PDB file of N, CA and C in Angstrom:
ATOM      1  N   MET A   1       9.465  -0.314 -50.484  1.00  0.00           N
ATOM      2  CA  MET A   1       9.399   0.048 -51.872  1.00  0.00           C
ATOM      3  C   MET A   1       7.963   0.433 -52.232  1.00  0.00           C
ATOM      4  N   ALA A   2       7.015  -0.314 -51.728  1.00  0.00           N
ATOM      5  CA  ALA A   2       5.617  -0.023 -52.018  1.00  0.00           C
ATOM      6  C   ALA A   2       5.194   1.293 -51.367  1.00  0.00           C
ATOM      7  N   ILE A   3       5.740   1.575 -50.190  1.00  0.00           N
ATOM      8  CA  ILE A   3       5.406   2.824 -49.506  1.00  0.00           C
ATOM      9  C   ILE A   3       5.895   3.999 -50.339  1.00  0.00           C
ATOM     10  N   ALA A   4       7.104   3.908 -50.891  1.00  0.00           N
ATOM     11  CA  ALA A   4       7.637   4.975 -51.742  1.00  0.00           C
ATOM     12  C   ALA A   4       6.778   5.138 -52.988  1.00  0.00           C
ATOM     13  N   TYR A   5       6.301   4.035 -53.526  1.00  0.00           N
ATOM     14  CA  TYR A   5       5.441   4.098 -54.719  1.00  0.00           C
ATOM     15  C   TYR A   5       4.147   4.837 -54.416  1.00  0.00           C
ATOM     16  N   PHE A   6       3.550   4.590 -53.251  1.00  0.00           N
ATOM     17  CA  PHE A   6       2.286   5.235 -52.927  1.00  0.00           C
ATOM     18  C   PHE A   6       2.463   6.682 -52.470  1.00  0.00           C
ATOM     19  N   LEU A   7       3.632   7.022 -51.952  1.00  0.00           N
ATOM     20  CA  LEU A   7       3.853   8.389 -51.487  1.00  0.00           C
ATOM     21  C   LEU A   7       4.485   9.286 -52.546  1.00  0.00           C
ATOM     22  N   ASP A   8       4.826   8.755 -53.710  1.00  0.00           N
ATOM     23  CA  ASP A   8       5.400   9.556 -54.782  1.00  0.00           C
ATOM     24  C   ASP A   8       4.457  10.660 -55.273  1.00  0.00           C
ATOM     25  N   PRO A   9       3.148  10.414 -55.418  1.00  0.00           N
ATOM     26  CA  PRO A   9       2.260  11.519 -55.830  1.00  0.00           C
ATOM     27  C   PRO A   9       2.268  12.682 -54.834  1.00  0.00           C
ATOM     28  N   LEU A  10       2.434  12.402 -53.568  1.00  0.00           N
ATOM     29  CA  LEU A  10       2.517  13.475 -52.579  1.00  0.00           C
ATOM     30  C   LEU A  10       3.787  14.297 -52.799  1.00  0.00           C
ATOM     31  N   ALA A  11       4.875  13.627 -53.113  1.00  0.00           N
ATOM     32  CA  ALA A  11       6.113  14.349 -53.421  1.00  0.00           C
ATOM     33  C   ALA A  11       5.950  15.186 -54.683  1.00  0.00           C
ATOM     34  N   ASP A  12       5.230  14.666 -55.664  1.00  0.00           N
ATOM     35  CA  ASP A  12       4.978  15.437 -56.881  1.00  0.00           C
ATOM     36  C   ASP A  12       4.143  16.684 -56.586  1.00  0.00           C
ATOM     37  N   ARG A  13       3.155  16.566 -55.712  1.00  0.00           N
ATOM     38  CA  ARG A  13       2.328  17.731 -55.357  1.00  0.00           C
ATOM     39  C   ARG A  13       3.151  18.785 -54.617  1.00  0.00           C
ATOM     40  N   LEU A  14       4.009  18.323 -53.699  1.00  0.00           N
ATOM     41  CA  LEU A  14       4.862  19.274 -52.993  1.00  0.00           C
ATOM     42  C   LEU A  14       5.851  19.932 -53.950  1.00  0.00           C
ATOM     43  N   GLU A  15       6.306  19.183 -54.930  1.00  0.00           N
ATOM     44  CA  GLU A  15       7.211  19.747 -55.930  1.00  0.00           C
ATOM     45  C   GLU A  15       6.495  20.777 -56.800  1.00  0.00           C
ATOM     46  N   ALA A  16       5.218  20.553 -57.057  1.00  0.00           N
ATOM     47  CA  ALA A  16       4.436  21.531 -57.815  1.00  0.00           C
ATOM     48  C   ALA A  16       4.241  22.819 -57.020  1.00  0.00           C
ATOM     49  N   LEU A  17       4.298  22.710 -55.687  1.00  0.00           N
ATOM     50  CA  LEU A  17       4.195  23.892 -54.831  1.00  0.00           C
ATOM     51  C   LEU A  17       5.570  24.552 -54.630  1.00  0.00           C
ATOM     52  N   ARG A  18       6.540  24.195 -55.465  1.00  0.00           N
ATOM     53  CA  ARG A  18       7.884  24.766 -55.480  1.00  0.00           C
ATOM     54  C   ARG A  18       8.710  24.382 -54.249  1.00  0.00           C
ATOM     55  N   VAL A  19       8.431  23.229 -53.685  1.00  0.00           N
ATOM     56  CA  VAL A  19       9.252  22.687 -52.606  1.00  0.00           C
ATOM     57  C   VAL A  19      10.274  21.762 -53.265  1.00  0.00           C
ATOM     58  N   PRO A  20      11.568  21.937 -52.977  1.00  0.00           N
ATOM     59  CA  PRO A  20      12.564  21.030 -53.581  1.00  0.00           C
ATOM     60  C   PRO A  20      12.269  19.565 -53.226  1.00  0.00           C
ATOM     61  N   ARG A  21      12.576  18.691 -54.163  1.00  0.00           N
ATOM     62  CA  ARG A  21      12.218  17.281 -53.993  1.00  0.00           C
ATOM     63  C   ARG A  21      12.916  16.659 -52.783  1.00  0.00           C
ATOM     64  N   SER A  22      14.141  17.033 -52.487  1.00  0.00           N
ATOM     65  CA  SER A  22      14.836  16.457 -51.336  1.00  0.00           C
ATOM     66  C   SER A  22      14.163  16.879 -50.030  1.00  0.00           C
ATOM     67  N   ILE A  23      13.735  18.122 -49.940  1.00  0.00           N
ATOM     68  CA  ILE A  23      13.021  18.583 -48.740  1.00  0.00           C
ATOM     69  C   ILE A  23      11.656  17.921 -48.655  1.00  0.00           C
ATOM     70  N   ALA A  24      10.985  17.767 -49.794  1.00  0.00           N
ATOM     71  CA  ALA A  24       9.687  17.085 -49.808  1.00  0.00           C
ATOM     72  C   ALA A  24       9.835  15.641 -49.346  1.00  0.00           C
ATOM     73  N   ALA A  25      10.900  14.970 -49.801  1.00  0.00           N
ATOM     74  CA  ALA A  25      11.123  13.583 -49.388  1.00  0.00           C
ATOM     75  C   ALA A  25      11.382  13.514 -47.886  1.00  0.00           C
ATOM     76  N   GLY A  26      12.170  14.443 -47.365  1.00  0.00           N
ATOM     77  CA  GLY A  26      12.427  14.466 -45.928  1.00  0.00           C
ATOM     78  C   GLY A  26      11.168  14.706 -45.124  1.00  0.00           C
ATOM     79  N   LEU A  27      10.336  15.643 -45.574  1.00  0.00           N
ATOM     80  CA  LEU A  27       9.070  15.909 -44.886  1.00  0.00           C
ATOM     81  C   LEU A  27       8.145  14.695 -44.907  1.00  0.00           C
ATOM     82  N   ILE A  28       8.109  14.024 -46.037  1.00  0.00           N
ATOM     83  CA  ILE A  28       7.253  12.835 -46.158  1.00  0.00           C
ATOM     84  C   ILE A  28       7.747  11.725 -45.235  1.00  0.00           C
ATOM     85  N   ILE A  29       9.054  11.535 -45.167  1.00  0.00           N
ATOM     86  CA  ILE A  29       9.606  10.485 -44.298  1.00  0.00           C
ATOM     87  C   ILE A  29       9.309  10.786 -42.835  1.00  0.00           C
ATOM     88  N   VAL A  30       9.527  12.038 -42.423  1.00  0.00           N
ATOM     89  CA  VAL A  30       9.250  12.413 -41.032  1.00  0.00           C
ATOM     90  C   VAL A  30       7.769  12.246 -40.726  1.00  0.00           C
ATOM     91  N   ALA A  31       6.903  12.701 -41.626  1.00  0.00           N
ATOM     92  CA  ALA A  31       5.463  12.569 -41.401  1.00  0.00           C
ATOM     93  C   ALA A  31       5.041  11.103 -41.358  1.00  0.00           C
ATOM     94  N   PHE A  32       5.624  10.265 -42.207  1.00  0.00           N
ATOM     95  CA  PHE A  32       5.279   8.845 -42.226  1.00  0.00           C
ATOM     96  C   PHE A  32       5.641   8.182 -40.905  1.00  0.00           C
ATOM     97  N   PHE A  33       6.865   8.419 -40.421  1.00  0.00           N
ATOM     98  CA  PHE A  33       7.268   7.799 -39.160  1.00  0.00           C
ATOM     99  C   PHE A  33       6.501   8.370 -37.975  1.00  0.00           C
ATOM    100  N   LEU A  34       6.113   9.623 -38.047  1.00  0.00           N
ATOM    101  CA  LEU A  34       5.289  10.208 -36.999  1.00  0.00           C
ATOM    102  C   LEU A  34       3.920   9.539 -36.943  1.00  0.00           C
ATOM    103  N   VAL A  35       3.316   9.326 -38.099  1.00  0.00           N
ATOM    104  CA  VAL A  35       2.007   8.665 -38.155  1.00  0.00           C
ATOM    105  C   VAL A  35       2.115   7.224 -37.662  1.00  0.00           C
ATOM    106  N   VAL A  36       3.151   6.506 -38.082  1.00  0.00           N
ATOM    107  CA  VAL A  36       3.326   5.113 -37.646  1.00  0.00           C
ATOM    108  C   VAL A  36       3.525   5.049 -36.137  1.00  0.00           C
ATOM    109  N   THR A  37       4.324   5.970 -35.591  1.00  0.00           N
ATOM    110  CA  THR A  37       4.558   5.995 -34.143  1.00  0.00           C
ATOM    111  C   THR A  37       3.272   6.289 -33.388  1.00  0.00           C
ATOM    112  N   LEU A  38       2.505   7.247 -33.860  1.00  0.00           N
ATOM    113  CA  LEU A  38       1.245   7.577 -33.193  1.00  0.00           C
ATOM    114  C   LEU A  38       0.263   6.416 -33.250  1.00  0.00           C
ATOM    115  N   LEU A  39       0.211   5.725 -34.369  1.00  0.00           N
ATOM    116  CA  LEU A  39      -0.676   4.558 -34.472  1.00  0.00           C
ATOM    117  C   LEU A  39      -0.238   3.447 -33.517  1.00  0.00           C
ATOM    118  N   LEU A  40       1.055   3.200 -33.421  1.00  0.00           N
ATOM    119  CA  LEU A  40       1.535   2.176 -32.491  1.00  0.00           C
ATOM    120  C   LEU A  40       1.239   2.553 -31.048  1.00  0.00           C
ATOM    121  N   MET A  41       1.400   3.833 -30.722  1.00  0.00           N
ATOM    122  CA  MET A  41       1.080   4.276 -29.367  1.00  0.00           C
ATOM    123  C   MET A  41      -0.404   4.090 -29.066  1.00  0.00           C
ATOM    124  N   LEU A  42      -1.245   4.369 -30.046  1.00  0.00           N
ATOM    125  CA  LEU A  42      -2.686   4.195 -29.865  1.00  0.00           C
ATOM    126  C   LEU A  42      -3.033   2.722 -29.674  1.00  0.00           C
ATOM    127  N   ILE A  43      -2.415   1.858 -30.459  1.00  0.00           N
ATOM    128  CA  ILE A  43      -2.688   0.421 -30.352  1.00  0.00           C
ATOM    129  C   ILE A  43      -2.238  -0.105 -28.995  1.00  0.00           C
ATOM    130  N   VAL A  44      -1.057   0.300 -28.539  1.00  0.00           N
ATOM    131  CA  VAL A  44      -0.557  -0.168 -27.251  1.00  0.00           C
ATOM    132  C   VAL A  44      -1.441   0.343 -26.121  1.00  0.00           C
ATOM    133  N   ARG A  45      -1.872   1.575 -26.223  1.00  0.00           N
ATOM    134  CA  ARG A  45      -2.723   2.129 -25.173  1.00  0.00           C
ATOM    135  C   ARG A  45      -4.065   1.395 -25.100  1.00  0.00           C
ATOM    136  N   ARG A  46      -4.639   1.140 -26.244  1.00  0.00           N
ATOM    137  CA  ARG A  46      -5.936   0.432 -26.246  1.00  0.00           C
ATOM    138  C   ARG A  46      -5.794  -1.007 -25.766  1.00  0.00           C
ATOM    139  N   SER A  47      -4.719  -1.662 -26.152  1.00  0.00           N
ATOM    140  CA  SER A  47      -4.554  -3.048 -25.734  1.00  0.00           C
ATOM    141  C   SER A  47      -4.189  -3.143 -24.253  1.00  0.00           C
ATOM    142  N   SER A  48      -3.522  -2.120 -23.716  1.00  0.00           N
ATOM    143  CA  SER A  48      -3.185  -2.172 -22.294  1.00  0.00           C
ATOM    144  C   SER A  48      -4.424  -1.985 -21.425  1.00  0.00           C
ATOM    145  N   ARG A  49      -5.429  -1.340 -21.945  1.00  0.00           N
ATOM    146  CA  ARG A  49      -6.681  -1.202 -21.185  1.00  0.00           C
ATOM    147  C   ARG A  49      -7.416  -2.535 -21.065  1.00  0.00           C
ATOM    148  N   ARG A  50      -7.235  -3.383 -22.058  1.00  0.00           N
ATOM    149  CA  ARG A  50      -7.960  -4.658 -22.063  1.00  0.00           C
ATOM    150  C   ARG A  50      -7.253  -5.724 -21.240  1.00  0.00           C
ATOM    151  N   CYS A  51      -5.962  -5.597 -21.048  1.00  0.00           N
ATOM    152  CA  CYS A  51      -5.202  -6.607 -20.318  1.00  0.00           C
ATOM    153  C   CYS A  51      -5.271  -6.317 -18.828  1.00  0.00           C
ATOM    154  N   PRO A  52      -5.612  -7.318 -18.038  1.00  0.00           N
ATOM    155  CA  PRO A  52      -5.613  -7.095 -16.594  1.00  0.00           C
ATOM    156  C   PRO A  52      -4.191  -6.995 -16.067  1.00  0.00           C
ATOM    157  N   ARG A  53      -4.027  -6.159 -15.091  1.00  0.00           N
ATOM    158  CA  ARG A  53      -2.700  -5.989 -14.496  1.00  0.00           C
ATOM    159  C   ARG A  53      -2.545  -7.008 -13.369  1.00  0.00           C
ATOM    160  N   SER A  54      -1.405  -7.665 -13.367  1.00  0.00           N
ATOM    161  CA  SER A  54      -1.127  -8.650 -12.334  1.00  0.00           C
ATOM    162  C   SER A  54       0.356  -8.595 -11.997  1.00  0.00           C
ATOM    163  N   SER A  55       0.755  -9.362 -11.029  1.00  0.00           N
ATOM    164  CA  SER A  55       2.152  -9.363 -10.607  1.00  0.00           C
ATOM    165  C   SER A  55       2.958 -10.452 -11.309  1.00  0.00           C
ATOM    166  N   VAL A  56       2.369 -11.185 -12.225  1.00  0.00           N
ATOM    167  CA  VAL A  56       3.074 -12.274 -12.885  1.00  0.00           C
ATOM    168  C   VAL A  56       4.177 -11.765 -13.820  1.00  0.00           C
ATOM    169  N   PRO A  57       3.959 -10.760 -14.667  1.00  0.00           N
ATOM    170  CA  PRO A  57       5.049 -10.325 -15.541  1.00  0.00           C
ATOM    171  C   PRO A  57       6.293  -9.850 -14.796  1.00  0.00           C
ATOM    172  N   PRO A  58       6.201  -9.098 -13.691  1.00  0.00           N
ATOM    173  CA  PRO A  58       7.432  -8.734 -13.000  1.00  0.00           C
ATOM    174  C   PRO A  58       8.197  -9.941 -12.461  1.00  0.00           C
ATOM    175  N   GLN A  59       7.492 -11.003 -12.037  1.00  0.00           N
ATOM    176  CA  GLN A  59       8.185 -12.196 -11.567  1.00  0.00           C
ATOM    177  C   GLN A  59       8.941 -12.857 -12.710  1.00  0.00           C
ATOM    178  N   TYR A  60       8.312 -12.934 -13.880  1.00  0.00           N
ATOM    179  CA  TYR A  60       9.000 -13.485 -15.036  1.00  0.00           C
ATOM    180  C   TYR A  60      10.207 -12.629 -15.399  1.00  0.00           C
ATOM    181  N   PHE A  61      10.035 -11.322 -15.306  1.00  0.00           N
ATOM    182  CA  PHE A  61      11.119 -10.412 -15.656  1.00  0.00           C
ATOM    183  C   PHE A  61      12.306 -10.583 -14.718  1.00  0.00           C
ATOM    184  N   THR A  62      12.054 -10.645 -13.428  1.00  0.00           N
ATOM    185  CA  THR A  62      13.167 -10.787 -12.487  1.00  0.00           C
ATOM    186  C   THR A  62      13.874 -12.128 -12.646  1.00  0.00           C
ATOM    187  N   SER A  63      13.115 -13.188 -12.910  1.00  0.00           N
ATOM    188  CA  SER A  63      13.764 -14.486 -13.111  1.00  0.00           C
ATOM    189  C   SER A  63      14.552 -14.503 -14.421  1.00  0.00           C
ATOM    190  N   ALA A  64      14.038 -13.834 -15.443  1.00  0.00           N
ATOM    191  CA  ALA A  64      14.763 -13.767 -16.716  1.00  0.00           C
ATOM    192  C   ALA A  64      16.051 -12.966 -16.554  1.00  0.00           C
ATOM    193  N   VAL A  65      15.993 -11.871 -15.824  1.00  0.00           N
ATOM    194  CA  VAL A  65      17.192 -11.071 -15.589  1.00  0.00           C
ATOM    195  C   VAL A  65      18.206 -11.872 -14.794  1.00  0.00           C
ATOM    196  N   ALA A  66      17.750 -12.605 -13.788  1.00  0.00           N
ATOM    197  CA  ALA A  66      18.659 -13.419 -12.980  1.00  0.00           C
ATOM    198  C   ALA A  66      19.304 -14.516 -13.813  1.00  0.00           C
ATOM    199  N   THR A  67      18.597 -15.035 -14.810  1.00  0.00           N
ATOM    200  CA  THR A  67      19.146 -16.082 -15.663  1.00  0.00           C
ATOM    201  C   THR A  67      20.131 -15.516 -16.678  1.00  0.00           C
ATOM    202  N   VAL A  68      19.818 -14.373 -17.245  1.00  0.00           N
ATOM    203  CA  VAL A  68      20.613 -13.818 -18.333  1.00  0.00           C
ATOM    204  C   VAL A  68      21.836 -13.054 -17.831  1.00  0.00           C
ATOM    205  N   ARG A  69      21.764 -12.441 -16.673  1.00  0.00           N
ATOM    206  CA  ARG A  69      22.858 -11.599 -16.175  1.00  0.00           C
ATOM    207  C   ARG A  69      24.207 -12.310 -16.141  1.00  0.00           C
ATOM    208  N   PRO A  70      24.325 -13.549 -15.612  1.00  0.00           N
ATOM    209  CA  PRO A  70      25.649 -14.192 -15.626  1.00  0.00           C
ATOM    210  C   PRO A  70      26.167 -14.441 -17.039  1.00  0.00           C
ATOM    211  N   LEU A  71      25.283 -14.752 -17.965  1.00  0.00           N
ATOM    212  CA  LEU A  71      25.720 -14.986 -19.340  1.00  0.00           C
ATOM    213  C   LEU A  71      26.247 -13.712 -19.982  1.00  0.00           C
ATOM    214  N   VAL A  72      25.556 -12.607 -19.737  1.00  0.00           N
ATOM    215  CA  VAL A  72      25.957 -11.335 -20.332  1.00  0.00           C
ATOM    216  C   VAL A  72      27.270 -10.853 -19.740  1.00  0.00           C
ATOM    217  N   THR A  73      27.395 -10.932 -18.438  1.00  0.00           N
ATOM    218  CA  THR A  73      28.635 -10.453 -17.829  1.00  0.00           C
ATOM    219  C   THR A  73      29.814 -11.330 -18.225  1.00  0.00           C
ATOM    220  N   ALA A  74      29.601 -12.644 -18.366  1.00  0.00           N
ATOM    221  CA  ALA A  74      30.691 -13.524 -18.785  1.00  0.00           C
ATOM    222  C   ALA A  74      31.105 -13.212 -20.219  1.00  0.00           C
ATOM    223  N   SER A  75      30.140 -13.017 -21.113  1.00  0.00           N
ATOM    224  CA  SER A  75      30.497 -12.719 -22.500  1.00  0.00           C
ATOM    225  C   SER A  75      31.107 -11.334 -22.609  1.00  0.00           C
ATOM    226  N   TRP A  76      30.675 -10.398 -21.771  1.00  0.00           N
ATOM    227  CA  TRP A  76      31.257  -9.061 -21.789  1.00  0.00           C
ATOM    228  C   TRP A  76      32.700  -9.110 -21.317  1.00  0.00           C
ATOM    229  N   ARG A  77      32.942  -9.905 -20.286  1.00  0.00           N
ATOM    230  CA  ARG A  77      34.294 -10.030 -19.758  1.00  0.00           C
ATOM    231  C   ARG A  77      35.215 -10.652 -20.799  1.00  0.00           C
ATOM    232  N   ASP A  78      34.689 -11.615 -21.589  1.00  0.00           N
ATOM    233  CA  ASP A  78      35.510 -12.274 -22.599  1.00  0.00           C
ATOM    234  C   ASP A  78      35.789 -11.367 -23.785  1.00  0.00           C
ATOM    235  N   SER A  79      34.857 -10.478 -24.118  1.00  0.00           N
ATOM    236  CA  SER A  79      35.027  -9.649 -25.301  1.00  0.00           C
ATOM    237  C   SER A  79      35.620  -8.284 -24.993  1.00  0.00           C
ATOM    238  N   ALA A  80      35.893  -7.992 -23.744  1.00  0.00           N
ATOM    239  CA  ALA A  80      36.485  -6.700 -23.382  1.00  0.00           C
ATOM    240  C   ALA A  80      37.908  -6.631 -23.919  1.00  0.00           C
ATOM    241  N   PRO A  81      38.307  -5.448 -24.396  1.00  0.00           N
ATOM    242  CA  PRO A  81      39.674  -5.344 -24.917  1.00  0.00           C
ATOM    243  C   PRO A  81      40.706  -5.537 -23.820  1.00  0.00           C
ATOM    244  N   ARG A  82      41.722  -6.269 -24.137  1.00  0.00           N
ATOM    245  CA  ARG A  82      42.779  -6.543 -23.177  1.00  0.00           C
ATOM    246  C   ARG A  82      43.857  -5.464 -23.292  1.00  0.00           C
ATOM    247  N   PRO A  83      44.473  -5.100 -22.183  1.00  0.00           N
ATOM    248  CA  PRO A  83      45.551  -4.106 -22.270  1.00  0.00           C
ATOM    249  C   PRO A  83      46.750  -4.674 -23.018  1.00  0.00           C
ATOM    250  N   ARG A  84      47.403  -3.807 -23.756  1.00  0.00           N
ATOM    251  CA  ARG A  84      48.573  -4.250 -24.512  1.00  0.00           C
ATOM    252  C   ARG A  84      49.745  -4.475 -23.563  1.00  0.00           C
ATOM    253  N   ARG A  85      50.490  -5.481 -23.881  1.00  0.00           N
ATOM    254  CA  ARG A  85      51.694  -5.731 -23.114  1.00  0.00           C
ATOM    255  C   ARG A  85      52.861  -5.150 -23.908  1.00  0.00           C
ATOM    256  N   THR A  86      53.545  -4.240 -23.315  1.00  0.00           N
ATOM    257  CA  THR A  86      54.684  -3.635 -23.996  1.00  0.00           C
ATOM    258  C   THR A  86      55.967  -4.230 -23.451  1.00  0.00           C
ATOM    259  N   CYS A  87      56.899  -4.357 -24.313  1.00  0.00           N
ATOM    260  CA  CYS A  87      58.179  -4.915 -23.938  1.00  0.00           C
ATOM    261  C   CYS A  87      59.148  -3.759 -23.730  1.00  0.00           C
ATOM    262  N   HIS A  88      59.646  -3.602 -22.523  1.00  0.00           N
ATOM    263  CA  HIS A  88      60.588  -2.533 -22.223  1.00  0.00           C
ATOM    264  C   HIS A  88      62.016  -3.050 -22.176  1.00  0.00           C
ATOM    265  N   SER A  89      62.213  -4.197 -22.713  1.00  0.00           N
ATOM    266  CA  SER A  89      63.524  -4.816 -22.690  1.00  0.00           C
ATOM    267  C   SER A  89      64.404  -4.169 -23.757  1.00  0.00           C
ATOM    268  N   ARG A  90      65.698  -4.033 -23.488  1.00  0.00           N
ATOM    269  CA  ARG A  90      66.638  -3.456 -24.451  1.00  0.00           C
ATOM    270  C   ARG A  90      67.184  -4.528 -25.391  1.00  0.00           C
ATOM    271  N   SER A  91      66.778  -5.737 -25.218  1.00  0.00           N
ATOM    272  CA  SER A  91      67.308  -6.805 -26.048  1.00  0.00           C
ATOM    273  C   SER A  91      66.714  -6.790 -27.456  1.00  0.00           C
ATOM    274  N   ARG A  92      65.675  -6.022 -27.679  1.00  0.00           N
ATOM    275  CA  ARG A  92      65.021  -6.009 -28.984  1.00  0.00           C
ATOM    276  C   ARG A  92      65.691  -5.032 -29.939  1.00  0.00           C
ATOM    277  N   GLY A  93      66.599  -4.233 -29.490  1.00  0.00           N
ATOM    278  CA  GLY A  93      67.268  -3.284 -30.367  1.00  0.00           C
ATOM    279  C   GLY A  93      67.760  -2.101 -29.571  1.00  0.00           C
ATOM    280  N   PRO A  94      68.543  -1.225 -30.204  1.00  0.00           N
ATOM    281  CA  PRO A  94      69.093  -0.090 -29.477  1.00  0.00           C
ATOM    282  C   PRO A  94      68.019   0.946 -29.166  1.00  0.00           C
ATOM    283  N   ASP A  95      68.288   1.736 -28.167  1.00  0.00           N
ATOM    284  CA  ASP A  95      67.395   2.846 -27.809  1.00  0.00           C
ATOM    285  C   ASP A  95      67.550   3.926 -28.873  1.00  0.00           C
ATOM    286  N   LEU A  96      66.481   4.318 -29.513  1.00  0.00           N
ATOM    287  CA  LEU A  96      66.535   5.252 -30.622  1.00  0.00           C
ATOM    288  C   LEU A  96      66.328   6.701 -30.198  1.00  0.00           C
ATOM    289  N   ALA A  97      66.401   7.001 -28.924  1.00  0.00           N
ATOM    290  CA  ALA A  97      66.108   8.349 -28.455  1.00  0.00           C
ATOM    291  C   ALA A  97      67.125   9.370 -28.971  1.00  0.00           C
ATOM    292  N   GLY A  98      68.367   9.015 -29.117  1.00  0.00           N
ATOM    293  CA  GLY A  98      69.376   9.980 -29.545  1.00  0.00           C
ATOM    294  C   GLY A  98      69.704   9.905 -31.015  1.00  0.00           C
ATOM    295  N   PHE A  99      68.969   9.123 -31.806  1.00  0.00           N
ATOM    296  CA  PHE A  99      69.298   8.924 -33.212  1.00  0.00           C
ATOM    297  C   PHE A  99      68.354   9.656 -34.165  1.00  0.00           C
ATOM    298  N   SER A 100      67.802  10.772 -33.758  1.00  0.00           N
ATOM    299  CA  SER A 100      66.897  11.495 -34.653  1.00  0.00           C
ATOM    300  C   SER A 100      67.698  12.263 -35.686  1.00  0.00           C
ATOM    301  N   ALA A 101      67.079  12.591 -36.770  1.00  0.00           N
ATOM    302  CA  ALA A 101      67.766  13.309 -37.850  1.00  0.00           C
ATOM    303  C   ALA A 101      68.047  14.746 -37.416  1.00  0.00           C
ATOM    304  N   PRO A 102      69.200  15.282 -37.736  1.00  0.00           N
ATOM    305  CA  PRO A 102      69.502  16.661 -37.350  1.00  0.00           C
ATOM    306  C   PRO A 102      68.670  17.638 -38.168  1.00  0.00           C
ATOM    307  N   TRP A 103      68.207  18.672 -37.546  1.00  0.00           N
ATOM    308  CA  TRP A 103      67.391  19.675 -38.233  1.00  0.00           C
ATOM    309  C   TRP A 103      68.296  20.692 -38.749  1.00  0.00           C
TER     310      TRP A 103
END
């Protein structure tokens, strides 16, 4: 909400340049997320230069995957849709194949 409040004057300026407000809002949103993404990329790049590289994170990752994989596959197996069981028995009623309305 605060971001919209601070970016409203920019939308007003674009509107003064005869840009429709909906297009101005779209341009502002795209530009805002582009700037945020670029800043995050810059921060990650700078922080990765300061962190020493070691083999410890991959070991943690492989052990975490080994721990989580059985849980995920078990929950996936439980939540998978089950095939419908159809009853082909004639005891539930007559076969309606020949009872269609005459055209």
